[in-house]
C-alpha atoms as a PDB file:
ATOM      1  CA  UNK A   1      49.020 -53.202  31.972  1.00  0.00           C
ATOM      2  CA  UNK A   2      49.390 -56.213  29.891  1.00  0.00           C
ATOM      3  CA  UNK A   3      51.531 -55.814  26.634  1.00  0.00           C
ATOM      4  CA  UNK A   4      50.017 -55.507  23.031  1.00  0.00           C
ATOM      5  CA  UNK A   5      52.728 -57.584  21.642  1.00  0.00           C
ATOM      6  CA  UNK A   6      51.233 -61.053  19.999  1.00  0.00           C
ATOM      7  CA  UNK A   7      47.677 -59.338  19.392  1.00  0.00           C
ATOM      8  CA  UNK A   8      46.614 -58.724  16.075  1.00  0.00           C
ATOM      9  CA  UNK A   9      44.608 -56.199  14.283  1.00  0.00           C
ATOM     10  CA  UNK A  10      41.736 -57.511  11.708  1.00  0.00           C
ATOM     11  CA  UNK A  11      42.258 -55.645   7.938  1.00  0.00           C
ATOM     12  CA  UNK A  12      38.703 -54.968   7.647  1.00  0.00           C
ATOM     13  CA  UNK A  13      37.222 -53.428  10.619  1.00  0.00           C
ATOM     14  CA  UNK A  14      40.563 -52.361  12.082  1.00  0.00           C
ATOM     15  CA  UNK A  15      39.529 -53.631  15.476  1.00  0.00           C
ATOM     16  CA  UNK A  16      42.172 -55.216  18.161  1.00  0.00           C
ATOM     17  CA  UNK A  17      42.010 -58.671  18.857  1.00  0.00           C
ATOM     18  CA  UNK A  18      43.450 -61.592  21.322  1.00  0.00           C
ATOM     19  CA  UNK A  19      46.650 -63.339  19.808  1.00  0.00           C
ATOM     20  CA  UNK A  20      44.696 -66.885  20.288  1.00  0.00           C
ATOM     21  CA  UNK A  21      41.595 -65.636  18.287  1.00  0.00           C
ATOM     22  CA  UNK A  22      41.165 -66.845  14.857  1.00  0.00           C
ATOM     23  CA  UNK A  23      38.330 -64.711  13.711  1.00  0.00           C
ATOM     24  CA  UNK A  24      37.669 -60.780  14.817  1.00  0.00           C
ATOM     25  CA  UNK A  25      35.675 -60.700  17.419  1.00  0.00           C
ATOM     26  CA  UNK A  26      34.267 -57.956  16.135  1.00  0.00           C
ATOM     27  CA  UNK A  27      33.465 -58.100  12.207  1.00  0.00           C
ATOM     28  CA  UNK A  28      33.938 -61.799  12.207  1.00  0.00           C
ATOM     29  CA  UNK A  29      36.745 -61.826   9.859  1.00  0.00           C
ATOM     30  CA  UNK A  30      39.298 -64.909   9.819  1.00  0.00           C
ATOM     31  CA  UNK A  31      43.052 -63.707  10.656  1.00  0.00           C
ATOM     32  CA  UNK A  32      44.561 -63.688   7.801  1.00  0.00           C
ATOM     33  CA  UNK A  33      42.032 -62.952   5.366  1.00  0.00           C
ATOM     34  CA  UNK A  34      41.919 -61.204   2.492  1.00  0.00           C
ATOM     35  CA  UNK A  35      38.668 -58.498   3.142  1.00  0.00           C
ATOM     36  CA  UNK A  36      38.141 -58.068  -0.324  1.00  0.00           C
ATOM     37  CA  UNK A  37      37.502 -61.489  -0.866  1.00  0.00           C
ATOM     38  CA  UNK A  38      35.526 -62.072   2.181  1.00  0.00           C
ATOM     39  CA  UNK A  39      31.456 -62.253   1.986  1.00  0.00           C
ATOM     40  CA  UNK A  40      30.175 -58.400   2.325  1.00  0.00           C
ATOM     41  CA  UNK A  41      28.938 -57.731   5.607  1.00  0.00           C
ATOM     42  CA  UNK A  42      25.020 -57.097   6.136  1.00  0.00           C
ATOM     43  CA  UNK A  43      23.980 -53.608   7.294  1.00  0.00           C
ATOM     44  CA  UNK A  44      24.118 -53.919  11.183  1.00  0.00           C
ATOM     45  CA  UNK A  45      27.431 -56.013  11.086  1.00  0.00           C
ATOM     46  CA  UNK A  46      28.477 -53.482   8.865  1.00  0.00           C
ATOM     47  CA  UNK A  47      27.623 -50.440  11.051  1.00  0.00           C
ATOM     48  CA  UNK A  48      29.399 -52.203  13.885  1.00  0.00           C
ATOM     49  CA  UNK A  49      32.188 -52.919  12.394  1.00  0.00           C
ATOM     50  CA  UNK A  50      33.181 -49.398  11.370  1.00  0.00           C
ATOM     51  CA  UNK A  51      32.624 -48.173  15.190  1.00  0.00           C
ATOM     52  CA  UNK A  52      36.280 -50.268  15.368  1.00  0.00           C
ATOM     53  CA  UNK A  53      39.529 -49.477  16.164  1.00  0.00           C
ATOM     54  CA  UNK A  54      41.437 -47.534  14.221  1.00  0.00           C
ATOM     55  CA  UNK A  55      44.940 -46.632  15.585  1.00  0.00           C
ATOM     56  CA  UNK A  56      46.916 -44.296  14.834  1.00  0.00           C
ATOM     57  CA  UNK A  57      48.441 -43.327  11.510  1.00  0.00           C
ATOM     58  CA  UNK A  58      45.308 -45.811  10.412  1.00  0.00           C
ATOM     59  CA  UNK A  59      43.078 -45.493   7.867  1.00  0.00           C
ATOM     60  CA  UNK A  60      39.416 -44.888   9.023  1.00  0.00           C
ATOM     61  CA  UNK A  61      36.927 -47.639   8.403  1.00  0.00           C
ATOM     62  CA  UNK A  62      34.165 -46.930   5.237  1.00  0.00           C
ATOM     63  CA  UNK A  63      31.713 -44.479   6.142  1.00  0.00           C
ATOM     64  CA  UNK A  64      28.032 -45.207   5.165  1.00  0.00           C
ATOM     65  CA  UNK A  65      26.651 -43.562   1.698  1.00  0.00           C
ATOM     66  CA  UNK A  66      25.506 -40.172   2.276  1.00  0.00           C
ATOM     67  CA  UNK A  67      22.232 -40.462   1.106  1.00  0.00           C
ATOM     68  CA  UNK A  68      20.578 -36.651   0.326  1.00  0.00           C
ATOM     69  CA  UNK A  69      17.594 -35.288   1.499  1.00  0.00           C
ATOM     70  CA  UNK A  70      14.359 -36.459  -0.854  1.00  0.00           C
ATOM     71  CA  UNK A  71      12.988 -32.408  -1.878  1.00  0.00           C
ATOM     72  CA  UNK A  72       9.314 -31.679  -0.480  1.00  0.00           C
ATOM     73  CA  UNK A  73       6.642 -32.747  -3.224  1.00  0.00           C
ATOM     74  CA  UNK A  74       6.008 -29.293  -4.697  1.00  0.00           C
ATOM     75  CA  UNK A  75       2.207 -27.900  -5.128  1.00  0.00           C
ATOM     76  CA  UNK A  76       0.782 -29.025  -8.197  1.00  0.00           C
ATOM     77  CA  UNK A  77       0.681 -25.873 -10.926  1.00  0.00           C
ATOM     78  CA  UNK A  78      -3.315 -26.296 -11.097  1.00  0.00           C
ATOM     79  CA  UNK A  79      -3.696 -25.252  -7.359  1.00  0.00           C
ATOM     80  CA  UNK A  80      -2.109 -21.846  -8.341  1.00  0.00           C
ATOM     81  CA  UNK A  81      -3.720 -21.798 -11.511  1.00  0.00           C
ATOM     82  CA  UNK A  82      -7.129 -21.871  -9.001  1.00  0.00           C
ATOM     83  CA  UNK A  83      -5.453 -19.549  -6.876  1.00  0.00           C
ATOM     84  CA  UNK A  84      -4.621 -16.779  -9.384  1.00  0.00           C
ATOM     85  CA  UNK A  85      -6.327 -17.897 -12.166  1.00  0.00           C
ATOM     86  CA  UNK A  86      -8.314 -14.873 -11.507  1.00  0.00           C
ATOM     87  CA  UNK A  87      -5.560 -12.434 -12.481  1.00  0.00           C
ATOM     88  CA  UNK A  88      -5.599 -13.615 -15.955  1.00  0.00           C
ATOM     89  CA  UNK A  89      -9.708 -12.741 -16.118  1.00  0.00           C
ATOM     90  CA  UNK A  90      -8.299  -9.477 -14.927  1.00  0.00           C
ATOM     91  CA  UNK A  91      -5.706  -8.491 -17.213  1.00  0.00           C
ATOM     92  CA  UNK A  92      -7.979  -9.539 -20.353  1.00  0.00           C
ATOM     93  CA  UNK A  93     -10.913  -7.626 -19.131  1.00  0.00           C
ATOM     94  CA  UNK A  94      -8.303  -4.732 -18.394  1.00  0.00           C
ATOM     95  CA  UNK A  95      -6.868  -5.238 -22.022  1.00  0.00           C
ATOM     96  CA  UNK A  96     -10.869  -5.219 -23.727  1.00  0.00           C
ATOM     97  CA  UNK A  97     -11.438  -2.525 -21.814  1.00  0.00           C
ATOM     98  CA  UNK A  98      -8.588  -0.894 -22.945  1.00  0.00           C
ATOM     99  CA  UNK A  99      -9.152  -1.551 -26.756  1.00  0.00           C
ATOM    100  CA  UNK A 100     -12.261  -0.139 -26.922  1.00  0.00           C
ATOM    101  CA  UNK A 101     -11.609   2.565 -24.745  1.00  0.00           C
ATOM    102  CA  UNK A 102     -11.130   5.981 -26.804  1.00  0.00           C
ATOM    103  CA  UNK A 103      -7.283   7.464 -26.073  1.00  0.00           C
ATOM    104  CA  UNK A 104      -5.886  10.865 -26.391  1.00  0.00           C
ATOM    105  CA  UNK A 105      -2.871  12.421 -27.631  1.00  0.00           C
ATOM    106  CA  UNK A 106      -0.422  14.415 -25.466  1.00  0.00           C
ATOM    107  CA  UNK A 107      -2.499  17.756 -25.507  1.00  0.00           C
ATOM    108  CA  UNK A 108      -5.508  15.866 -24.402  1.00  0.00           C
ATOM    109  CA  UNK A 109      -7.453  15.641 -27.954  1.00  0.00           C
ATOM    110  CA  UNK A 110      -8.996  12.308 -28.423  1.00  0.00           C
ATOM    111  CA  UNK A 111      -7.345  10.391 -31.412  1.00  0.00           C
ATOM    112  CA  UNK A 112      -8.587   7.252 -31.489  1.00  0.00           C
ATOM    113  CA  UNK A 113     -12.500   6.829 -30.984  1.00  0.00           C
ATOM    114  CA  UNK A 114     -14.259   4.643 -28.507  1.00  0.00           C
ATOM    115  CA  UNK A 115     -15.760   4.363 -24.813  1.00  0.00           C
ATOM    116  CA  UNK A 116     -15.444   7.175 -22.676  1.00  0.00           C
ATOM    117  CA  UNK A 117     -16.908   7.656 -19.458  1.00  0.00           C
ATOM    118  CA  UNK A 118     -19.694  10.539 -19.488  1.00  0.00           C
ATOM    119  CA  UNK A 119     -17.913  12.134 -16.667  1.00  0.00           C
ATOM    120  CA  UNK A 120     -14.685  11.898 -18.200  1.00  0.00           C
ATOM    121  CA  UNK A 121     -15.765  14.178 -21.069  1.00  0.00           C
ATOM    122  CA  UNK A 122     -13.725  17.140 -21.575  1.00  0.00           C
ATOM    123  CA  UNK A 123     -14.355  20.432 -22.919  1.00  0.00           C
ATOM    124  CA  UNK A 124     -14.072  20.629 -27.256  1.00  0.00           C
ATOM    125  CA  UNK A 125     -14.855  16.518 -26.717  1.00  0.00           C
ATOM    126  CA  UNK A 126     -17.556  14.993 -29.946  1.00  0.00           C
ATOM    127  CA  UNK A 127     -19.614  11.874 -29.123  1.00  0.00           C
ATOM    128  CA  UNK A 128     -22.751  10.247 -29.585  1.00  0.00           C
ATOM    129  CA  UNK A 129     -24.937   8.787 -27.066  1.00  0.00           C
ATOM    130  CA  UNK A 130     -25.095   5.093 -27.260  1.00  0.00           C
ATOM    131  CA  UNK A 131     -28.798   5.080 -26.358  1.00  0.00           C
ATOM    132  CA  UNK A 132     -30.537   8.402 -27.247  1.00  0.00           C
ATOM    133  CA  UNK A 133     -33.817   6.994 -25.614  1.00  0.00           C
ATOM    134  CA  UNK A 134     -31.528   5.922 -22.233  1.00  0.00           C
ATOM    135  CA  UNK A 135     -32.803   7.808 -18.472  1.00  0.00           C
ATOM    136  CA  UNK A 136     -29.346   7.820 -17.323  1.00  0.00           C
ATOM    137  CA  UNK A 137     -25.571   7.742 -19.270  1.00  0.00           C
ATOM    138  CA  UNK A 138     -23.150   6.563 -17.883  1.00  0.00           C
ATOM    139  CA  UNK A 139     -20.765   6.035 -21.231  1.00  0.00           C
ATOM    140  CA  UNK A 140     -20.324   7.674 -24.755  1.00  0.00           C
ATOM    141  CA  UNK A 141     -19.054   6.919 -28.233  1.00  0.00           C
ATOM    142  CA  UNK A 142     -16.136   9.844 -28.158  1.00  0.00           C
ATOM    143  CA  UNK A 143     -14.386  10.376 -31.037  1.00  0.00           C
ATOM    144  CA  UNK A 144     -12.658  13.063 -32.849  1.00  0.00           C
ATOM    145  CA  UNK A 145     -14.395  15.946 -34.217  1.00  0.00           C
ATOM    146  CA  UNK A 146     -13.536  15.148 -37.831  1.00  0.00           C
ATOM    147  CA  UNK A 147     -15.215  11.848 -37.182  1.00  0.00           C
ATOM    148  CA  UNK A 148     -18.960  11.885 -37.333  1.00  0.00           C
ATOM    149  CA  UNK A 149     -20.947  12.809 -34.702  1.00  0.00           C
ATOM    150  CA  UNK A 150     -23.927  14.482 -32.730  1.00  0.00           C
ATOM    151  CA  UNK A 151     -22.373  16.089 -29.733  1.00  0.00           C
ATOM    152  CA  UNK A 152     -19.762  18.427 -28.854  1.00  0.00           C
ATOM    153  CA  UNK A 153     -19.127  19.224 -25.123  1.00  0.00           C
ATOM    154  CA  UNK A 154     -18.927  22.821 -24.894  1.00  0.00           C
ATOM    155  CA  UNK A 155     -19.365  23.584 -21.016  1.00  0.00           C
ATOM    156  CA  UNK A 156     -19.072  22.507 -17.251  1.00  0.00           C
ATOM    157  CA  UNK A 157     -19.452  23.738 -13.897  1.00  0.00           C
ATOM    158  CA  UNK A 158     -20.475  22.721 -11.106  1.00  0.00           C
ATOM    159  CA  UNK A 159     -24.373  24.050  -9.002  1.00  0.00           C
ATOM    160  CA  UNK A 160     -24.166  25.276  -5.208  1.00  0.00           C
ATOM    161  CA  UNK A 161     -25.854  24.491  -2.450  1.00  0.00           C
ATOM    162  CA  UNK A 162     -25.984  21.076  -0.958  1.00  0.00           C
ATOM    163  CA  UNK A 163     -29.326  19.628  -1.063  1.00  0.00           C
ATOM    164  CA  UNK A 164     -30.227  17.815  -4.812  1.00  0.00           C
ATOM    165  CA  UNK A 165     -31.239  21.000  -7.249  1.00  0.00           C
ATOM    166  CA  UNK A 166     -34.514  21.236  -8.223  1.00  0.00           C
ATOM    167  CA  UNK A 167     -35.647  21.837 -11.927  1.00  0.00           C
ATOM    168  CA  UNK A 168     -35.354  25.786 -11.882  1.00  0.00           C
ATOM    169  CA  UNK A 169     -32.347  25.302 -10.023  1.00  0.00           C
ATOM    170  CA  UNK A 170     -31.150  23.570 -13.393  1.00  0.00           C
ATOM    171  CA  UNK A 171     -32.836  26.733 -15.488  1.00  0.00           C
ATOM    172  CA  UNK A 172     -31.215  29.338 -13.431  1.00  0.00           C
ATOM    173  CA  UNK A 173     -27.693  27.556 -13.784  1.00  0.00           C
ATOM    174  CA  UNK A 174     -28.110  26.757 -17.766  1.00  0.00           C
ATOM    175  CA  UNK A 175     -29.234  30.604 -18.059  1.00  0.00           C
ATOM    176  CA  UNK A 176     -26.553  31.928 -16.101  1.00  0.00           C
ATOM    177  CA  UNK A 177     -23.445  29.427 -17.485  1.00  0.00           C
ATOM    178  CA  UNK A 178     -24.475  27.227 -20.184  1.00  0.00           C
ATOM    179  CA  UNK A 179     -25.666  30.086 -22.681  1.00  0.00           C
ATOM    180  CA  UNK A 180     -23.207  32.873 -22.329  1.00  0.00           C
ATOM    181  CA  UNK A 181     -20.523  29.505 -22.361  1.00  0.00           C
ATOM    182  CA  UNK A 182     -21.999  28.848 -25.939  1.00  0.00           C
ATOM    183  CA  UNK A 183     -21.815  32.170 -27.066  1.00  0.00           C
ATOM    184  CA  UNK A 184     -18.299  32.458 -26.463  1.00  0.00           C
ATOM    185  CA  UNK A 185     -17.634  29.024 -27.809  1.00  0.00           C
ATOM    186  CA  UNK A 186     -19.694  29.321 -30.991  1.00  0.00           C
ATOM    187  CA  UNK A 187     -19.135  32.904 -31.832  1.00  0.00           C
ATOM    188  CA  UNK A 188     -22.674  33.935 -32.376  1.00  0.00           C
ATOM    189  CA  UNK A 189     -25.313  34.549 -29.646  1.00  0.00           C
ATOM    190  CA  UNK A 190     -27.752  31.136 -28.484  1.00  0.00           C
ATOM    191  CA  UNK A 191     -30.543  33.410 -29.709  1.00  0.00           C
ATOM    192  CA  UNK A 192     -29.607  33.772 -33.206  1.00  0.00           C
ATOM    193  CA  UNK A 193     -27.602  29.941 -34.147  1.00  0.00           C
ATOM    194  CA  UNK A 194     -28.915  27.353 -35.778  1.00  0.00           C
ATOM    195  CA  UNK A 195     -27.241  25.400 -33.110  1.00  0.00           C
ATOM    196  CA  UNK A 196     -29.099  23.758 -29.415  1.00  0.00           C
ATOM    197  CA  UNK A 197     -27.378  22.258 -26.868  1.00  0.00           C
ATOM    198  CA  UNK A 198     -28.548  19.670 -23.893  1.00  0.00           C
ATOM    199  CA  UNK A 199     -26.802  19.204 -20.754  1.00  0.00           C
ATOM    200  CA  UNK A 200     -25.747  16.674 -18.482  1.00  0.00           C
ATOM    201  CA  UNK A 201     -27.269  16.531 -14.628  1.00  0.00           C
ATOM    202  CA  UNK A 202     -26.288  14.064 -12.062  1.00  0.00           C
ATOM    203  CA  UNK A 203     -27.827  11.184 -10.498  1.00  0.00           C
ATOM    204  CA  UNK A 204     -29.099  11.716  -6.885  1.00  0.00           C
ATOM    205  CA  UNK A 205     -27.351   9.221  -5.959  1.00  0.00           C
ATOM    206  CA  UNK A 206     -24.303  10.376  -7.782  1.00  0.00           C
ATOM    207  CA  UNK A 207     -24.712  14.164  -6.117  1.00  0.00           C
ATOM    208  CA  UNK A 208     -24.334  12.508  -2.495  1.00  0.00           C
ATOM    209  CA  UNK A 209     -21.076  11.403  -3.688  1.00  0.00           C
ATOM    210  CA  UNK A 210     -19.667  14.610  -4.300  1.00  0.00           C
ATOM    211  CA  UNK A 211     -20.783  15.034  -8.432  1.00  0.00           C
ATOM    212  CA  UNK A 212     -22.591  18.380  -8.648  1.00  0.00           C
ATOM    213  CA  UNK A 213     -21.401  19.146 -12.477  1.00  0.00           C
ATOM    214  CA  UNK A 214     -23.326  19.902 -15.341  1.00  0.00           C
ATOM    215  CA  UNK A 215     -22.236  19.267 -18.476  1.00  0.00           C
ATOM    216  CA  UNK A 216     -23.578  21.446 -22.008  1.00  0.00           C
ATOM    217  CA  UNK A 217     -22.938  19.743 -25.408  1.00  0.00           C
ATOM    218  CA  UNK A 218     -23.862  21.898 -28.414  1.00  0.00           C
ATOM    219  CA  UNK A 219     -25.289  20.061 -31.617  1.00  0.00           C
ATOM    220  CA  UNK A 220     -27.609  20.509 -34.807  1.00  0.00           C
ATOM    221  CA  UNK A 221     -31.079  20.026 -34.092  1.00  0.00           C
ATOM    222  CA  UNK A 222     -30.783  19.824 -38.284  1.00  0.00           C
ATOM    223  CA  UNK A 223     -28.063  17.652 -38.967  1.00  0.00           C
ATOM    224  CA  UNK A 224     -27.216  14.485 -36.725  1.00  0.00           C
ATOM    225  CA  UNK A 225     -23.981  14.045 -38.599  1.00  0.00           C
ATOM    226  CA  UNK A 226     -21.098  16.631 -37.669  1.00  0.00           C
ATOM    227  CA  UNK A 227     -17.571  15.641 -39.178  1.00  0.00           C
ATOM    228  CA  UNK A 228     -16.655  19.183 -37.925  1.00  0.00           C
ATOM    229  CA  UNK A 229     -16.260  21.077 -34.813  1.00  0.00           C
ATOM    230  CA  UNK A 230     -18.275  23.822 -33.429  1.00  0.00           C
ATOM    231  CA  UNK A 231     -15.827  25.484 -32.068  1.00  0.00           C
ATOM    232  CA  UNK A 232     -16.164  29.593 -33.557  1.00  0.00           C
ATOM    233  CA  UNK A 233     -18.066  28.054 -36.145  1.00  0.00           C
ATOM    234  CA  UNK A 234     -20.578  31.164 -35.868  1.00  0.00           C
ATOM    235  CA  UNK A 235     -23.470  29.383 -37.047  1.00  0.00           C
END
């Protein structure tokens, strides 16, 4: 093995060079030149210079500057608006529906008037029909009984059987259930009362879906502007 005596180390890339070399074989720096005063290396030369010799205890050659990875571009906000924009519409519809819906207190009494499904009416609820001429009733304007109203629900019962009832079956139901319930609720027999009652029956489609209930509601045929409950009115 040939001795290392006489060889010199480049001050820029720390490569070992032959004694007779006047410039560094690795990076081209002249022997004895100050690397700070020398012209900077190009990109490829800098990489090759960084790959030169580094002896024990010698400082490592400068590394290439680390470049952080570029983040992927974000999805534009309007894409989410198009995808989820319907949620805002649903929220608005629900909020509007809640605002115009009747509300109850903890005891179940209607405290704020508003829209109510006819199937959600409870005994003691007072209400007015939205369209008295309509053949089918879906929603009513439910109100506290102290506010102007026309009807008051006093009985709800189911009609027996699997087939949609005939008029005679409904008439039997009224005689057996609604009239006795009227007598008890109003506090006076139907035949002697100034009040009358209407009843709501399920549609054929509703019957097939399992709705077999009939609702009976009292009213005063001589006064469509009631402002009090007829419960125990005895008139």
